[in-house]
Amino acid sequence: MTPMEISRKGYEVLVNTLGVADTIRFLQQFNLGLGDYTTERHQWLDEVSLEELLNDIKQLREEKSITQSEVNELQ
């Protein structure tokens, strides 16, 4: 099949399975976005040291963790 035939068949399957409205909603999830992710990622990552990043991860884990006594209370 050519790329165009594959696309046509794919749209057909989606519409037949999901209907027109849900096919559109499904396809809207896949866009290329804007900007240059790699450049932007370096801009914000270069501002944070490895130590700061590790401390942030540790703090988030501590905030989200459930203590053993809390687990026992849930049971």
N, C-alpha and C. Protein backbone atom coordinates (compact mmCIF):
# COMPACT_ATOMS: atom_id res chain seq x y z
N MET A 1 0.84 -1.18 0.00
CA MET A 1 0.00 0.00 0.00
C MET A 1 0.88 1.24 0.00
N THR A 2 0.40 2.27 -0.63
CA THR A 2 1.12 3.55 -0.61
C THR A 2 0.82 4.26 0.71
N PRO A 3 1.64 5.25 1.07
CA PRO A 3 1.36 6.01 2.29
C PRO A 3 -0.05 6.63 2.28
N MET A 4 -0.49 7.09 1.15
CA MET A 4 -1.82 7.69 1.07
C MET A 4 -2.91 6.63 1.30
N GLU A 5 -2.71 5.45 0.75
CA GLU A 5 -3.69 4.38 0.95
C GLU A 5 -3.74 3.95 2.42
N ILE A 6 -2.59 3.90 3.06
CA ILE A 6 -2.54 3.54 4.47
C ILE A 6 -3.28 4.60 5.30
N SER A 7 -3.04 5.86 5.00
CA SER A 7 -3.73 6.94 5.72
C SER A 7 -5.23 6.84 5.52
N ARG A 8 -5.66 6.65 4.29
CA ARG A 8 -7.09 6.56 3.99
C ARG A 8 -7.72 5.39 4.74
N LYS A 9 -7.05 4.25 4.72
CA LYS A 9 -7.56 3.06 5.43
C LYS A 9 -7.59 3.30 6.93
N GLY A 10 -6.57 3.95 7.46
CA GLY A 10 -6.52 4.25 8.88
C GLY A 10 -7.65 5.16 9.31
N TYR A 11 -7.91 6.22 8.53
CA TYR A 11 -9.03 7.11 8.84
C TYR A 11 -10.36 6.36 8.78
N GLU A 12 -10.47 5.51 7.78
CA GLU A 12 -11.71 4.73 7.62
C GLU A 12 -11.96 3.84 8.84
N VAL A 13 -10.92 3.17 9.30
CA VAL A 13 -11.04 2.30 10.47
C VAL A 13 -11.41 3.12 11.70
N LEU A 14 -10.74 4.25 11.87
CA LEU A 14 -11.04 5.11 13.02
C LEU A 14 -12.49 5.59 13.00
N VAL A 15 -12.94 6.08 11.88
CA VAL A 15 -14.32 6.59 11.78
C VAL A 15 -15.32 5.47 12.00
N ASN A 16 -15.07 4.32 11.42
CA ASN A 16 -15.99 3.20 11.59
C ASN A 16 -16.01 2.69 13.03
N THR A 17 -14.90 2.80 13.72
CA THR A 17 -14.80 2.29 15.09
C THR A 17 -15.23 3.34 16.12
N LEU A 18 -14.75 4.56 15.95
CA LEU A 18 -14.98 5.60 16.95
C LEU A 18 -16.11 6.57 16.60
N GLY A 19 -16.45 6.64 15.33
CA GLY A 19 -17.37 7.68 14.88
C GLY A 19 -16.58 8.93 14.53
N VAL A 20 -17.23 9.85 13.86
CA VAL A 20 -16.54 11.04 13.36
C VAL A 20 -16.04 11.91 14.51
N ALA A 21 -16.90 12.23 15.47
CA ALA A 21 -16.52 13.15 16.55
C ALA A 21 -15.35 12.61 17.36
N ASP A 22 -15.42 11.33 17.75
CA ASP A 22 -14.32 10.78 18.56
C ASP A 22 -13.05 10.57 17.74
N THR A 23 -13.19 10.35 16.44
CA THR A 23 -12.00 10.27 15.58
C THR A 23 -11.29 11.61 15.58
N ILE A 24 -12.04 12.68 15.47
CA ILE A 24 -11.45 14.03 15.48
C ILE A 24 -10.78 14.28 16.82
N ARG A 25 -11.45 13.93 17.91
CA ARG A 25 -10.88 14.13 19.24
C ARG A 25 -9.59 13.32 19.39
N PHE A 26 -9.59 12.09 18.86
CA PHE A 26 -8.39 11.24 18.91
C PHE A 26 -7.24 11.87 18.13
N LEU A 27 -7.52 12.32 16.93
CA LEU A 27 -6.47 12.88 16.07
C LEU A 27 -5.93 14.20 16.61
N GLN A 28 -6.75 14.95 17.34
CA GLN A 28 -6.29 16.22 17.91
C GLN A 28 -5.22 16.01 18.98
N GLN A 29 -5.12 14.81 19.51
CA GLN A 29 -4.10 14.53 20.51
C GLN A 29 -2.69 14.51 19.92
N PHE A 30 -2.60 14.35 18.61
CA PHE A 30 -1.31 14.17 17.96
C PHE A 30 -0.98 15.38 17.11
N ASN A 31 -0.32 16.36 17.72
CA ASN A 31 0.16 17.49 16.94
C ASN A 31 1.65 17.63 17.17
N LEU A 32 2.30 18.30 16.30
CA LEU A 32 3.75 18.41 16.36
C LEU A 32 4.20 19.45 17.38
N GLY A 33 3.30 20.30 17.82
CA GLY A 33 3.66 21.32 18.79
C GLY A 33 4.45 22.44 18.15
N LEU A 34 4.91 23.33 18.99
CA LEU A 34 5.65 24.49 18.51
C LEU A 34 6.97 24.59 19.25
N GLY A 35 7.90 25.29 18.67
CA GLY A 35 9.17 25.54 19.33
C GLY A 35 10.19 24.45 19.10
N ASP A 36 11.31 24.60 19.78
CA ASP A 36 12.42 23.67 19.68
C ASP A 36 12.64 23.07 21.06
N TYR A 37 12.09 21.90 21.31
CA TYR A 37 12.13 21.28 22.63
C TYR A 37 13.56 21.13 23.14
N THR A 38 14.47 20.71 22.28
CA THR A 38 15.84 20.46 22.71
C THR A 38 16.50 21.73 23.22
N THR A 39 16.34 22.82 22.49
CA THR A 39 16.91 24.10 22.91
C THR A 39 16.28 24.57 24.20
N GLU A 40 14.95 24.50 24.28
CA GLU A 40 14.25 24.95 25.48
C GLU A 40 14.61 24.10 26.69
N ARG A 41 14.76 22.81 26.48
CA ARG A 41 15.12 21.90 27.56
C ARG A 41 16.49 22.27 28.13
N HIS A 42 17.44 22.56 27.26
CA HIS A 42 18.78 22.96 27.72
C HIS A 42 18.72 24.27 28.49
N GLN A 43 17.84 25.17 28.07
CA GLN A 43 17.75 26.46 28.75
C GLN A 43 17.35 26.29 30.20
N TRP A 44 16.37 25.44 30.48
CA TRP A 44 15.95 25.30 31.88
C TRP A 44 16.78 24.28 32.64
N LEU A 45 17.32 23.27 31.95
CA LEU A 45 18.14 22.29 32.66
C LEU A 45 19.52 22.84 33.01
N ASP A 46 20.06 23.70 32.18
CA ASP A 46 21.39 24.25 32.44
C ASP A 46 21.39 25.17 33.65
N GLU A 47 20.22 25.63 34.06
CA GLU A 47 20.11 26.53 35.21
C GLU A 47 20.07 25.76 36.54
N VAL A 48 19.89 24.45 36.50
CA VAL A 48 19.75 23.65 37.71
C VAL A 48 20.93 22.70 37.84
N SER A 49 21.54 22.70 39.01
CA SER A 49 22.66 21.79 39.23
C SER A 49 22.13 20.38 39.52
N LEU A 50 22.98 19.42 39.37
CA LEU A 50 22.60 18.04 39.66
C LEU A 50 22.20 17.89 41.12
N GLU A 51 22.92 18.56 42.00
CA GLU A 51 22.61 18.49 43.43
C GLU A 51 21.21 19.05 43.70
N GLU A 52 20.88 20.18 43.08
CA GLU A 52 19.55 20.78 43.26
C GLU A 52 18.46 19.83 42.75
N LEU A 53 18.71 19.22 41.61
CA LEU A 53 17.75 18.30 41.02
C LEU A 53 17.52 17.09 41.93
N LEU A 54 18.60 16.53 42.45
CA LEU A 54 18.48 15.39 43.35
C LEU A 54 17.75 15.76 44.64
N ASN A 55 18.02 16.94 45.17
CA ASN A 55 17.33 17.40 46.37
C ASN A 55 15.83 17.58 46.11
N ASP A 56 15.49 18.12 44.94
CA ASP A 56 14.08 18.29 44.58
C ASP A 56 13.38 16.94 44.48
N ILE A 57 14.04 15.97 43.87
CA ILE A 57 13.46 14.63 43.76
C ILE A 57 13.24 14.02 45.13
N LYS A 58 14.24 14.15 45.99
CA LYS A 58 14.14 13.62 47.35
C LYS A 58 12.97 14.26 48.09
N GLN A 59 12.85 15.57 47.98
CA GLN A 59 11.77 16.29 48.65
C GLN A 59 10.41 15.85 48.13
N LEU A 60 10.27 15.71 46.83
CA LEU A 60 8.99 15.26 46.26
C LEU A 60 8.63 13.87 46.73
N ARG A 61 9.63 13.00 46.79
CA ARG A 61 9.38 11.63 47.26
C ARG A 61 8.91 11.64 48.71
N GLU A 62 9.54 12.48 49.52
CA GLU A 62 9.16 12.56 50.93
C GLU A 62 7.75 13.10 51.08
N GLU A 63 7.38 14.09 50.27
CA GLU A 63 6.04 14.67 50.34
C GLU A 63 4.96 13.68 49.91
N LYS A 64 5.30 12.82 48.97
CA LYS A 64 4.31 11.90 48.42
C LYS A 64 4.29 10.55 49.11
N SER A 65 5.30 10.27 49.93
CA SER A 65 5.37 8.96 50.55
C SER A 65 4.37 8.84 51.68
N ILE A 66 3.91 7.64 51.88
CA ILE A 66 2.99 7.34 52.97
C ILE A 66 3.78 6.58 54.02
N THR A 67 3.67 7.01 55.25
CA THR A 67 4.40 6.32 56.31
C THR A 67 3.76 4.96 56.58
N GLN A 68 4.49 4.08 57.21
CA GLN A 68 3.97 2.75 57.52
C GLN A 68 2.75 2.84 58.42
N SER A 69 2.75 3.78 59.37
CA SER A 69 1.58 3.91 60.26
C SER A 69 0.35 4.34 59.48
N GLU A 70 0.52 5.17 58.46
CA GLU A 70 -0.62 5.57 57.62
C GLU A 70 -1.13 4.39 56.82
N VAL A 71 -0.24 3.52 56.36
CA VAL A 71 -0.64 2.32 55.64
C VAL A 71 -1.45 1.42 56.57
N ASN A 72 -0.98 1.24 57.81
CA ASN A 72 -1.70 0.40 58.77
C ASN A 72 -3.09 0.95 59.06
N GLU A 73 -3.23 2.26 59.12
CA GLU A 73 -4.53 2.88 59.35
C GLU A 73 -5.49 2.62 58.21
N LEU A 74 -4.98 2.52 57.00
CA LEU A 74 -5.83 2.28 55.83
C LEU A 74 -6.35 0.85 55.79
N GLN A 75 -5.64 -0.07 56.46
CA GLN A 75 -6.03 -1.48 56.42
C GLN A 75 -7.01 -1.79 57.45
